[in-house]
Amino acid sequence: MNEQDFEQLWNGAQGKFETKFGQPLDLQAILFLIGINELGQGPRKLSKDQKIDVIHIAVCHLLQPYGYYEYTGLDKDGWPHYKRNERLPKLMAQDQEHLMKEAIINYSSEW
């Protein structure tokens, strides 16, 4: 897929989030919202560390179809846990962003 087609798909995925939440959202905000969705505990106050954990949940969930993570279940507090199956390749920041955008495109195509 060429870069123009990819950007069009990314803009479409990003647009779904913007429509749902009524404002433009960057990659970090979208990761946070995906993490909240996958946490499944509804609106609540989160500490700074919990917010980082929520983004980690999103990353693990999004990279699960690529074989990097496997869902292992919920802990006693209802937080999902994943184990790493294989090490992520060393990627430049731009390539990491591309991988996450691709995973978000795939995630958003399921709704």
PDB file of N, CA and C in Angstrom:
ATOM      1  N   MET A   1       0.854  -1.168   0.000  1.00  0.00           N
ATOM      2  CA  MET A   1       0.000   0.000   0.000  1.00  0.00           C
ATOM      3  C   MET A   1       0.904   1.236   0.000  1.00  0.00           C
ATOM      4  N   ASN A   2       0.535   2.193  -0.828  1.00  0.00           N
ATOM      5  CA  ASN A   2       1.359   3.405  -0.875  1.00  0.00           C
ATOM      6  C   ASN A   2       0.995   4.345   0.279  1.00  0.00           C
ATOM      7  N   GLU A   3       1.851   5.318   0.496  1.00  0.00           N
ATOM      8  CA  GLU A   3       1.694   6.222   1.641  1.00  0.00           C
ATOM      9  C   GLU A   3       0.404   7.033   1.563  1.00  0.00           C
ATOM     10  N   GLN A   4       0.010   7.418   0.359  1.00  0.00           N
ATOM     11  CA  GLN A   4      -1.220   8.201   0.200  1.00  0.00           C
ATOM     12  C   GLN A   4      -2.443   7.376   0.607  1.00  0.00           C
ATOM     13  N   ASP A   5      -2.493   6.110   0.188  1.00  0.00           N
ATOM     14  CA  ASP A   5      -3.604   5.236   0.573  1.00  0.00           C
ATOM     15  C   ASP A   5      -3.620   5.019   2.084  1.00  0.00           C
ATOM     16  N   PHE A   6      -2.421   4.828   2.655  1.00  0.00           N
ATOM     17  CA  PHE A   6      -2.325   4.628   4.098  1.00  0.00           C
ATOM     18  C   PHE A   6      -2.846   5.855   4.843  1.00  0.00           C
ATOM     19  N   GLU A   7      -2.432   7.038   4.423  1.00  0.00           N
ATOM     20  CA  GLU A   7      -2.879   8.269   5.086  1.00  0.00           C
ATOM     21  C   GLU A   7      -4.389   8.438   4.974  1.00  0.00           C
ATOM     22  N   GLN A   8      -4.945   8.032   3.847  1.00  0.00           N
ATOM     23  CA  GLN A   8      -6.393   8.114   3.674  1.00  0.00           C
ATOM     24  C   GLN A   8      -7.095   7.184   4.669  1.00  0.00           C
ATOM     25  N   LEU A   9      -6.575   5.965   4.832  1.00  0.00           N
ATOM     26  CA  LEU A   9      -7.149   5.033   5.803  1.00  0.00           C
ATOM     27  C   LEU A   9      -6.995   5.563   7.227  1.00  0.00           C
ATOM     28  N   TRP A  10      -5.822   6.121   7.543  1.00  0.00           N
ATOM     29  CA  TRP A  10      -5.596   6.683   8.872  1.00  0.00           C
ATOM     30  C   TRP A  10      -6.559   7.839   9.140  1.00  0.00           C
ATOM     31  N   ASN A  11      -6.726   8.725   8.165  1.00  0.00           N
ATOM     32  CA  ASN A  11      -7.648   9.846   8.335  1.00  0.00           C
ATOM     33  C   ASN A  11      -9.071   9.355   8.564  1.00  0.00           C
ATOM     34  N   GLY A  12      -9.448   8.269   7.881  1.00  0.00           N
ATOM     35  CA  GLY A  12     -10.774   7.688   8.092  1.00  0.00           C
ATOM     36  C   GLY A  12     -10.936   7.131   9.495  1.00  0.00           C
ATOM     37  N   ALA A  13      -9.921   6.412   9.967  1.00  0.00           N
ATOM     38  CA  ALA A  13      -9.969   5.857  11.325  1.00  0.00           C
ATOM     39  C   ALA A  13      -9.999   6.979  12.359  1.00  0.00           C
ATOM     40  N   GLN A  14      -9.145   7.959  12.174  1.00  0.00           N
ATOM     41  CA  GLN A  14      -9.088   9.104  13.085  1.00  0.00           C
ATOM     42  C   GLN A  14     -10.431   9.839  13.075  1.00  0.00           C
ATOM     43  N   GLY A  15     -11.035   9.941  11.900  1.00  0.00           N
ATOM     44  CA  GLY A  15     -12.330  10.599  11.775  1.00  0.00           C
ATOM     45  C   GLY A  15     -13.430   9.898  12.554  1.00  0.00           C
ATOM     46  N   LYS A  16     -13.373   8.566  12.626  1.00  0.00           N
ATOM     47  CA  LYS A  16     -14.364   7.826  13.420  1.00  0.00           C
ATOM     48  C   LYS A  16     -14.291   8.236  14.887  1.00  0.00           C
ATOM     49  N   PHE A  17     -13.076   8.371  15.401  1.00  0.00           N
ATOM     50  CA  PHE A  17     -12.913   8.792  16.794  1.00  0.00           C
ATOM     51  C   PHE A  17     -13.366  10.232  16.979  1.00  0.00           C
ATOM     52  N   GLU A  18     -13.028  11.091  16.027  1.00  0.00           N
ATOM     53  CA  GLU A  18     -13.422  12.495  16.118  1.00  0.00           C
ATOM     54  C   GLU A  18     -14.940  12.634  16.104  1.00  0.00           C
ATOM     55  N   THR A  19     -15.602  11.854  15.262  1.00  0.00           N
ATOM     56  CA  THR A  19     -17.059  11.894  15.200  1.00  0.00           C
ATOM     57  C   THR A  19     -17.662  11.437  16.521  1.00  0.00           C
ATOM     58  N   LYS A  20     -17.124  10.361  17.065  1.00  0.00           N
ATOM     59  CA  LYS A  20     -17.658   9.801  18.306  1.00  0.00           C
ATOM     60  C   LYS A  20     -17.429  10.725  19.503  1.00  0.00           C
ATOM     61  N   PHE A  21     -16.284  11.413  19.533  1.00  0.00           N
ATOM     62  CA  PHE A  21     -15.936  12.215  20.706  1.00  0.00           C
ATOM     63  C   PHE A  21     -16.018  13.721  20.469  1.00  0.00           C
ATOM     64  N   GLY A  22     -16.364  14.130  19.248  1.00  0.00           N
ATOM     65  CA  GLY A  22     -16.652  15.528  18.977  1.00  0.00           C
ATOM     66  C   GLY A  22     -15.474  16.473  18.915  1.00  0.00           C
ATOM     67  N   GLN A  23     -14.270  15.933  18.778  1.00  0.00           N
ATOM     68  CA  GLN A  23     -13.099  16.807  18.665  1.00  0.00           C
ATOM     69  C   GLN A  23     -11.955  16.035  18.020  1.00  0.00           C
ATOM     70  N   PRO A  24     -11.016  16.758  17.425  1.00  0.00           N
ATOM     71  CA  PRO A  24      -9.854  16.083  16.840  1.00  0.00           C
ATOM     72  C   PRO A  24      -9.022  15.401  17.931  1.00  0.00           C
ATOM     73  N   LEU A  25      -8.532  14.210  17.630  1.00  0.00           N
ATOM     74  CA  LEU A  25      -7.739  13.443  18.593  1.00  0.00           C
ATOM     75  C   LEU A  25      -6.427  13.014  17.963  1.00  0.00           C
ATOM     76  N   ASP A  26      -5.349  13.126  18.725  1.00  0.00           N
ATOM     77  CA  ASP A  26      -4.058  12.665  18.227  1.00  0.00           C
ATOM     78  C   ASP A  26      -3.870  11.184  18.574  1.00  0.00           C
ATOM     79  N   LEU A  27      -2.753  10.640  18.171  1.00  0.00           N
ATOM     80  CA  LEU A  27      -2.478   9.217  18.356  1.00  0.00           C
ATOM     81  C   LEU A  27      -2.537   8.820  19.831  1.00  0.00           C
ATOM     82  N   GLN A  28      -1.929   9.606  20.708  1.00  0.00           N
ATOM     83  CA  GLN A  28      -1.926   9.278  22.141  1.00  0.00           C
ATOM     84  C   GLN A  28      -3.341   9.263  22.718  1.00  0.00           C
ATOM     85  N   ALA A  29      -4.160  10.226  22.331  1.00  0.00           N
ATOM     86  CA  ALA A  29      -5.536  10.278  22.825  1.00  0.00           C
ATOM     87  C   ALA A  29      -6.324   9.066  22.342  1.00  0.00           C
ATOM     88  N   ILE A  30      -6.110   8.675  21.096  1.00  0.00           N
ATOM     89  CA  ILE A  30      -6.804   7.504  20.561  1.00  0.00           C
ATOM     90  C   ILE A  30      -6.351   6.246  21.295  1.00  0.00           C
ATOM     91  N   LEU A  31      -5.055   6.122  21.557  1.00  0.00           N
ATOM     92  CA  LEU A  31      -4.565   4.970  22.324  1.00  0.00           C
ATOM     93  C   LEU A  31      -5.205   4.937  23.710  1.00  0.00           C
ATOM     94  N   PHE A  32      -5.305   6.083  24.345  1.00  0.00           N
ATOM     95  CA  PHE A  32      -5.925   6.143  25.667  1.00  0.00           C
ATOM     96  C   PHE A  32      -7.380   5.683  25.600  1.00  0.00           C
ATOM     97  N   LEU A  33      -8.126   6.150  24.612  1.00  0.00           N
ATOM     98  CA  LEU A  33      -9.536   5.771  24.488  1.00  0.00           C
ATOM     99  C   LEU A  33      -9.698   4.283  24.193  1.00  0.00           C
ATOM    100  N   ILE A  34      -8.824   3.733  23.374  1.00  0.00           N
ATOM    101  CA  ILE A  34      -8.871   2.290  23.106  1.00  0.00           C
ATOM    102  C   ILE A  34      -8.582   1.527  24.398  1.00  0.00           C
ATOM    103  N   GLY A  35      -7.595   1.989  25.153  1.00  0.00           N
ATOM    104  CA  GLY A  35      -7.281   1.348  26.428  1.00  0.00           C
ATOM    105  C   GLY A  35      -8.450   1.386  27.394  1.00  0.00           C
ATOM    106  N   ILE A  36      -9.118   2.529  27.485  1.00  0.00           N
ATOM    107  CA  ILE A  36     -10.303   2.651  28.348  1.00  0.00           C
ATOM    108  C   ILE A  36     -11.381   1.679  27.884  1.00  0.00           C
ATOM    109  N   ASN A  37     -11.580   1.593  26.577  1.00  0.00           N
ATOM    110  CA  ASN A  37     -12.576   0.673  26.034  1.00  0.00           C
ATOM    111  C   ASN A  37     -12.234  -0.770  26.387  1.00  0.00           C
ATOM    112  N   GLU A  38     -10.984  -1.146  26.225  1.00  0.00           N
ATOM    113  CA  GLU A  38     -10.572  -2.520  26.508  1.00  0.00           C
ATOM    114  C   GLU A  38     -10.547  -2.809  28.007  1.00  0.00           C
ATOM    115  N   LEU A  39     -10.315  -1.794  28.827  1.00  0.00           N
ATOM    116  CA  LEU A  39     -10.388  -1.961  30.278  1.00  0.00           C
ATOM    117  C   LEU A  39     -11.822  -2.291  30.684  1.00  0.00           C
ATOM    118  N   GLY A  40     -12.782  -1.625  30.030  1.00  0.00           N
ATOM    119  CA  GLY A  40     -14.190  -1.954  30.212  1.00  0.00           C
ATOM    120  C   GLY A  40     -14.774  -1.610  31.572  1.00  0.00           C
ATOM    121  N   GLN A  41     -14.231  -0.629  32.254  1.00  0.00           N
ATOM    122  CA  GLN A  41     -14.736  -0.282  33.581  1.00  0.00           C
ATOM    123  C   GLN A  41     -15.474   1.049  33.609  1.00  0.00           C
ATOM    124  N   GLY A  42     -15.719   1.631  32.452  1.00  0.00           N
ATOM    125  CA  GLY A  42     -16.460   2.877  32.389  1.00  0.00           C
ATOM    126  C   GLY A  42     -15.676   4.061  32.933  1.00  0.00           C
ATOM    127  N   PRO A  43     -16.323   5.227  32.954  1.00  0.00           N
ATOM    128  CA  PRO A  43     -15.641   6.442  33.407  1.00  0.00           C
ATOM    129  C   PRO A  43     -15.283   6.352  34.892  1.00  0.00           C
ATOM    130  N   ARG A  44     -14.082   6.777  35.226  1.00  0.00           N
ATOM    131  CA  ARG A  44     -13.624   6.824  36.611  1.00  0.00           C
ATOM    132  C   ARG A  44     -12.341   7.631  36.678  1.00  0.00           C
ATOM    133  N   LYS A  45     -11.992   8.064  37.851  1.00  0.00           N
ATOM    134  CA  LYS A  45     -10.733   8.796  38.037  1.00  0.00           C
ATOM    135  C   LYS A  45      -9.581   7.811  37.983  1.00  0.00           C
ATOM    136  N   LEU A  46      -8.531   8.208  37.278  1.00  0.00           N
ATOM    137  CA  LEU A  46      -7.338   7.375  37.171  1.00  0.00           C
ATOM    138  C   LEU A  46      -6.120   8.176  37.605  1.00  0.00           C
ATOM    139  N   SER A  47      -5.207   7.505  38.271  1.00  0.00           N
ATOM    140  CA  SER A  47      -3.944   8.147  38.623  1.00  0.00           C
ATOM    141  C   SER A  47      -3.084   8.257  37.364  1.00  0.00           C
ATOM    142  N   LYS A  48      -2.011   9.004  37.458  1.00  0.00           N
ATOM    143  CA  LYS A  48      -1.100   9.141  36.317  1.00  0.00           C
ATOM    144  C   LYS A  48      -0.563   7.773  35.900  1.00  0.00           C
ATOM    145  N   ASP A  49      -0.173   6.950  36.872  1.00  0.00           N
ATOM    146  CA  ASP A  49       0.332   5.610  36.556  1.00  0.00           C
ATOM    147  C   ASP A  49      -0.739   4.745  35.905  1.00  0.00           C
ATOM    148  N   GLN A  50      -1.974   4.858  36.373  1.00  0.00           N
ATOM    149  CA  GLN A  50      -3.066   4.092  35.769  1.00  0.00           C
ATOM    150  C   GLN A  50      -3.320   4.538  34.333  1.00  0.00           C
ATOM    151  N   LYS A  51      -3.179   5.823  34.060  1.00  0.00           N
ATOM    152  CA  LYS A  51      -3.353   6.315  32.692  1.00  0.00           C
ATOM    153  C   LYS A  51      -2.291   5.717  31.774  1.00  0.00           C
ATOM    154  N   ILE A  52      -1.072   5.607  32.268  1.00  0.00           N
ATOM    155  CA  ILE A  52      -0.008   4.965  31.486  1.00  0.00           C
ATOM    156  C   ILE A  52      -0.344   3.495  31.271  1.00  0.00           C
ATOM    157  N   ASP A  53      -0.864   2.839  32.312  1.00  0.00           N
ATOM    158  CA  ASP A  53      -1.269   1.433  32.188  1.00  0.00           C
ATOM    159  C   ASP A  53      -2.384   1.268  31.154  1.00  0.00           C
ATOM    160  N   VAL A  54      -3.304   2.224  31.105  1.00  0.00           N
ATOM    161  CA  VAL A  54      -4.405   2.173  30.129  1.00  0.00           C
ATOM    162  C   VAL A  54      -3.848   2.230  28.706  1.00  0.00           C
ATOM    163  N   ILE A  55      -2.875   3.092  28.473  1.00  0.00           N
ATOM    164  CA  ILE A  55      -2.256   3.166  27.147  1.00  0.00           C
ATOM    165  C   ILE A  55      -1.529   1.860  26.842  1.00  0.00           C
ATOM    166  N   HIS A  56      -0.896   1.268  27.853  1.00  0.00           N
ATOM    167  CA  HIS A  56      -0.220  -0.021  27.661  1.00  0.00           C
ATOM    168  C   HIS A  56      -1.230  -1.110  27.284  1.00  0.00           C
ATOM    169  N   ILE A  57      -2.401  -1.102  27.901  1.00  0.00           N
ATOM    170  CA  ILE A  57      -3.461  -2.052  27.542  1.00  0.00           C
ATOM    171  C   ILE A  57      -3.800  -1.900  26.068  1.00  0.00           C
ATOM    172  N   ALA A  58      -3.936  -0.661  25.609  1.00  0.00           N
ATOM    173  CA  ALA A  58      -4.260  -0.415  24.200  1.00  0.00           C
ATOM    174  C   ALA A  58      -3.177  -0.964  23.288  1.00  0.00           C
ATOM    175  N   VAL A  59      -1.923  -0.674  23.607  1.00  0.00           N
ATOM    176  CA  VAL A  59      -0.811  -1.136  22.768  1.00  0.00           C
ATOM    177  C   VAL A  59      -0.803  -2.659  22.701  1.00  0.00           C
ATOM    178  N   CYS A  60      -0.938  -3.311  23.854  1.00  0.00           N
ATOM    179  CA  CYS A  60      -0.947  -4.781  23.874  1.00  0.00           C
ATOM    180  C   CYS A  60      -2.110  -5.331  23.057  1.00  0.00           C
ATOM    181  N   HIS A  61      -3.296  -4.756  23.254  1.00  0.00           N
ATOM    182  CA  HIS A  61      -4.472  -5.231  22.519  1.00  0.00           C
ATOM    183  C   HIS A  61      -4.294  -5.033  21.014  1.00  0.00           C
ATOM    184  N   LEU A  62      -3.791  -3.873  20.626  1.00  0.00           N
ATOM    185  CA  LEU A  62      -3.622  -3.572  19.207  1.00  0.00           C
ATOM    186  C   LEU A  62      -2.563  -4.448  18.549  1.00  0.00           C
ATOM    187  N   LEU A  63      -1.528  -4.812  19.287  1.00  0.00           N
ATOM    188  CA  LEU A  63      -0.442  -5.614  18.708  1.00  0.00           C
ATOM    189  C   LEU A  63      -0.670  -7.112  18.864  1.00  0.00           C
ATOM    190  N   GLN A  64      -1.747  -7.491  19.539  1.00  0.00           N
ATOM    191  CA  GLN A  64      -2.087  -8.903  19.697  1.00  0.00           C
ATOM    192  C   GLN A  64      -2.271  -9.613  18.353  1.00  0.00           C
ATOM    193  N   PRO A  65      -2.998  -9.049  17.384  1.00  0.00           N
ATOM    194  CA  PRO A  65      -3.154  -9.737  16.094  1.00  0.00           C
ATOM    195  C   PRO A  65      -1.840  -9.935  15.333  1.00  0.00           C
ATOM    196  N   TYR A  66      -0.835  -9.153  15.661  1.00  0.00           N
ATOM    197  CA  TYR A  66       0.473  -9.277  15.015  1.00  0.00           C
ATOM    198  C   TYR A  66       1.328 -10.359  15.683  1.00  0.00           C
ATOM    199  N   GLY A  67       0.815 -10.931  16.777  1.00  0.00           N
ATOM    200  CA  GLY A  67       1.523 -11.998  17.468  1.00  0.00           C
ATOM    201  C   GLY A  67       2.504 -11.544  18.527  1.00  0.00           C
ATOM    202  N   TYR A  68       2.561 -10.239  18.795  1.00  0.00           N
ATOM    203  CA  TYR A  68       3.519  -9.735  19.776  1.00  0.00           C
ATOM    204  C   TYR A  68       3.051  -9.945  21.213  1.00  0.00           C
ATOM    205  N   TYR A  69       1.747  -9.926  21.437  1.00  0.00           N
ATOM    206  CA  TYR A  69       1.190 -10.083  22.780  1.00  0.00           C
ATOM    207  C   TYR A  69       0.055 -11.091  22.750  1.00  0.00           C
ATOM    208  N   GLU A  70      -0.171 -11.702  23.913  1.00  0.00           N
ATOM    209  CA  GLU A  70      -1.272 -12.643  24.080  1.00  0.00           C
ATOM    210  C   GLU A  70      -2.021 -12.272  25.352  1.00  0.00           C
ATOM    211  N   TYR A  71      -3.334 -12.193  25.240  1.00  0.00           N
ATOM    212  CA  TYR A  71      -4.177 -11.881  26.392  1.00  0.00           C
ATOM    213  C   TYR A  71      -4.133 -13.056  27.364  1.00  0.00           C
ATOM    214  N   THR A  72      -3.902 -12.767  28.656  1.00  0.00           N
ATOM    215  CA  THR A  72      -3.819 -13.844  29.648  1.00  0.00           C
ATOM    216  C   THR A  72      -4.953 -13.812  30.662  1.00  0.00           C
ATOM    217  N   GLY A  73      -5.765 -12.767  30.660  1.00  0.00           N
ATOM    218  CA  GLY A  73      -6.896 -12.703  31.583  1.00  0.00           C
ATOM    219  C   GLY A  73      -6.891 -11.430  32.407  1.00  0.00           C
ATOM    220  N   LEU A  74      -7.843 -11.379  33.329  1.00  0.00           N
ATOM    221  CA  LEU A  74      -8.018 -10.211  34.184  1.00  0.00           C
ATOM    222  C   LEU A  74      -7.407 -10.471  35.555  1.00  0.00           C
ATOM    223  N   ASP A  75      -6.884  -9.413  36.165  1.00  0.00           N
ATOM    224  CA  ASP A  75      -6.410  -9.551  37.542  1.00  0.00           C
ATOM    225  C   ASP A  75      -7.593  -9.352  38.496  1.00  0.00           C
ATOM    226  N   LYS A  76      -7.322  -9.385  39.799  1.00  0.00           N
ATOM    227  CA  LYS A  76      -8.400  -9.293  40.793  1.00  0.00           C
ATOM    228  C   LYS A  76      -9.139  -7.957  40.745  1.00  0.00           C
ATOM    229  N   ASP A  77      -8.506  -6.931  40.172  1.00  0.00           N
ATOM    230  CA  ASP A  77      -9.141  -5.618  40.043  1.00  0.00           C
ATOM    231  C   ASP A  77      -9.839  -5.428  38.700  1.00  0.00           C
ATOM    232  N   GLY A  78      -9.833  -6.462  37.875  1.00  0.00           N
ATOM    233  CA  GLY A  78     -10.505  -6.391  36.583  1.00  0.00           C
ATOM    234  C   GLY A  78      -9.680  -5.776  35.469  1.00  0.00           C
ATOM    235  N   TRP A  79      -8.368  -5.648  35.680  1.00  0.00           N
ATOM    236  CA  TRP A  79      -7.499  -5.085  34.648  1.00  0.00           C
ATOM    237  C   TRP A  79      -6.968  -6.214  33.768  1.00  0.00           C
ATOM    238  N   PRO A  80      -7.041  -6.048  32.438  1.00  0.00           N
ATOM    239  CA  PRO A  80      -6.526  -7.089  31.538  1.00  0.00           C
ATOM    240  C   PRO A  80      -5.002  -7.166  31.577  1.00  0.00           C
ATOM    241  N   HIS A  81      -4.512  -8.377  31.408  1.00  0.00           N
ATOM    242  CA  HIS A  81      -3.064  -8.599  31.366  1.00  0.00           C
ATOM    243  C   HIS A  81      -2.701  -9.358  30.100  1.00  0.00           C
ATOM    244  N   TYR A  82      -1.517  -9.081  29.616  1.00  0.00           N
ATOM    245  CA  TYR A  82      -0.995  -9.682  28.394  1.00  0.00           C
ATOM    246  C   TYR A  82       0.414 -10.179  28.665  1.00  0.00           C
ATOM    247  N   LYS A  83       0.799 -11.213  27.954  1.00  0.00           N
ATOM    248  CA  LYS A  83       2.203 -11.620  27.996  1.00  0.00           C
ATOM    249  C   LYS A  83       2.797 -11.360  26.621  1.00  0.00           C
ATOM    250  N   ARG A  84       4.056 -11.010  26.625  1.00  0.00           N
ATOM    251  CA  ARG A  84       4.736 -10.746  25.358  1.00  0.00           C
ATOM    252  C   ARG A  84       5.169 -12.075  24.765  1.00  0.00           C
ATOM    253  N   ASN A  85       4.750 -12.331  23.532  1.00  0.00           N
ATOM    254  CA  ASN A  85       5.112 -13.562  22.840  1.00  0.00           C
ATOM    255  C   ASN A  85       6.432 -13.441  22.112  1.00  0.00           C
ATOM    256  N   GLU A  86       6.616 -12.316  21.496  1.00  0.00           N
ATOM    257  CA  GLU A  86       7.871 -12.110  20.776  1.00  0.00           C
ATOM    258  C   GLU A  86       8.277 -10.655  20.886  1.00  0.00           C
ATOM    259  N   ARG A  87       9.541 -10.458  20.820  1.00  0.00           N
ATOM    260  CA  ARG A  87      10.094  -9.120  20.958  1.00  0.00           C
ATOM    261  C   ARG A  87       9.735  -8.288  19.731  1.00  0.00           C
ATOM    262  N   LEU A  88       9.315  -7.066  20.003  1.00  0.00           N
ATOM    263  CA  LEU A  88       9.051  -6.143  18.903  1.00  0.00           C
ATOM    264  C   LEU A  88      10.363  -5.829  18.201  1.00  0.00           C
ATOM    265  N   PRO A  89      10.326  -5.694  16.894  1.00  0.00           N
ATOM    266  CA  PRO A  89      11.559  -5.321  16.190  1.00  0.00           C
ATOM    267  C   PRO A  89      11.972  -3.903  16.582  1.00  0.00           C
ATOM    268  N   LYS A  90      13.251  -3.640  16.494  1.00  0.00           N
ATOM    269  CA  LYS A  90      13.729  -2.274  16.761  1.00  0.00           C
ATOM    270  C   LYS A  90      13.273  -1.392  15.604  1.00  0.00           C
ATOM    271  N   LEU A  91      12.462  -0.407  15.935  1.00  0.00           N
ATOM    272  CA  LEU A  91      11.904   0.484  14.923  1.00  0.00           C
ATOM    273  C   LEU A  91      12.234   1.923  15.272  1.00  0.00           C
ATOM    274  N   MET A  92      12.428   2.709  14.246  1.00  0.00           N
ATOM    275  CA  MET A  92      12.575   4.151  14.429  1.00  0.00           C
ATOM    276  C   MET A  92      11.209   4.696  14.873  1.00  0.00           C
ATOM    277  N   ALA A  93      11.198   5.867  15.490  1.00  0.00           N
ATOM    278  CA  ALA A  93       9.960   6.458  16.005  1.00  0.00           C
ATOM    279  C   ALA A  93       8.887   6.554  14.922  1.00  0.00           C
ATOM    280  N   GLN A  94       9.284   6.941  13.720  1.00  0.00           N
ATOM    281  CA  GLN A  94       8.332   7.076  12.616  1.00  0.00           C
ATOM    282  C   GLN A  94       7.722   5.720  12.266  1.00  0.00           C
ATOM    283  N   ASP A  95       8.522   4.659  12.296  1.00  0.00           N
ATOM    284  CA  ASP A  95       8.020   3.321  11.989  1.00  0.00           C
ATOM    285  C   ASP A  95       7.122   2.794  13.108  1.00  0.00           C
ATOM    286  N   GLN A  96       7.454   3.128  14.363  1.00  0.00           N
ATOM    287  CA  GLN A  96       6.597   2.748  15.489  1.00  0.00           C
ATOM    288  C   GLN A  96       5.223   3.400  15.341  1.00  0.00           C
ATOM    289  N   GLU A  97       5.234   4.675  14.996  1.00  0.00           N
ATOM    290  CA  GLU A  97       3.976   5.395  14.809  1.00  0.00           C
ATOM    291  C   GLU A  97       3.170   4.781  13.672  1.00  0.00           C
ATOM    292  N   HIS A  98       3.837   4.417  12.597  1.00  0.00           N
ATOM    293  CA  HIS A  98       3.161   3.798  11.456  1.00  0.00           C
ATOM    294  C   HIS A  98       2.514   2.477  11.876  1.00  0.00           C
ATOM    295  N   LEU A  99       3.237   1.659  12.644  1.00  0.00           N
ATOM    296  CA  LEU A  99       2.697   0.380  13.111  1.00  0.00           C
ATOM    297  C   LEU A  99       1.466   0.603  13.983  1.00  0.00           C
ATOM    298  N   MET A 100       1.525   1.564  14.895  1.00  0.00           N
ATOM    299  CA  MET A 100       0.378   1.824  15.762  1.00  0.00           C
ATOM    300  C   MET A 100      -0.810   2.359  14.963  1.00  0.00           C
ATOM    301  N   LYS A 101      -0.548   3.224  14.008  1.00  0.00           N
ATOM    302  CA  LYS A 101      -1.636   3.732  13.167  1.00  0.00           C
ATOM    303  C   LYS A 101      -2.269   2.594  12.375  1.00  0.00           C
ATOM    304  N   GLU A 102      -1.444   1.707  11.837  1.00  0.00           N
ATOM    305  CA  GLU A 102      -1.962   0.554  11.094  1.00  0.00           C
ATOM    306  C   GLU A 102      -2.848  -0.305  11.996  1.00  0.00           C
ATOM    307  N   ALA A 103      -2.401  -0.543  13.221  1.00  0.00           N
ATOM    308  CA  ALA A 103      -3.180  -1.345  14.165  1.00  0.00           C
ATOM    309  C   ALA A 103      -4.492  -0.649  14.531  1.00  0.00           C
ATOM    310  N   ILE A 104      -4.465   0.672  14.661  1.00  0.00           N
ATOM    311  CA  ILE A 104      -5.688   1.427  14.960  1.00  0.00           C
ATOM    312  C   ILE A 104      -6.640   1.383  13.773  1.00  0.00           C
ATOM    313  N   ILE A 105      -6.112   1.465  12.569  1.00  0.00           N
ATOM    314  CA  ILE A 105      -6.951   1.334  11.369  1.00  0.00           C
ATOM    315  C   ILE A 105      -7.676  -0.008  11.412  1.00  0.00           C
ATOM    316  N   ASN A 106      -6.943  -1.075  11.701  1.00  0.00           N
ATOM    317  CA  ASN A 106      -7.554  -2.408  11.781  1.00  0.00           C
ATOM    318  C   ASN A 106      -8.588  -2.479  12.901  1.00  0.00           C
ATOM    319  N   TYR A 107      -8.271  -1.909  14.043  1.00  0.00           N
ATOM    320  CA  TYR A 107      -9.183  -1.897  15.194  1.00  0.00           C
ATOM    321  C   TYR A 107     -10.475  -1.156  14.847  1.00  0.00           C
ATOM    322  N   SER A 108     -10.333   0.009  14.237  1.00  0.00           N
ATOM    323  CA  SER A 108     -11.516   0.825  13.944  1.00  0.00           C
ATOM    324  C   SER A 108     -12.359   0.234  12.824  1.00  0.00           C
ATOM    325  N   SER A 109     -11.773  -0.615  12.001  1.00  0.00           N
ATOM    326  CA  SER A 109     -12.555  -1.233  10.921  1.00  0.00           C
ATOM    327  C   SER A 109     -13.524  -2.277  11.463  1.00  0.00           C
ATOM    328  N   GLU A 110     -13.339  -2.664  12.737  1.00  0.00           N
ATOM    329  CA  GLU A 110     -14.227  -3.649  13.358  1.00  0.00           C
ATOM    330  C   GLU A 110     -15.527  -3.030  13.863  1.00  0.00           C
ATOM    331  N   TRP A 111     -15.663  -1.662  13.866  1.00  0.00           N
ATOM    332  CA  TRP A 111     -16.918  -1.076  14.276  1.00  0.00           C
ATOM    333  C   TRP A 111     -17.672  -0.521  13.142  1.00  0.00           C
TER     334      TRP A 111
END
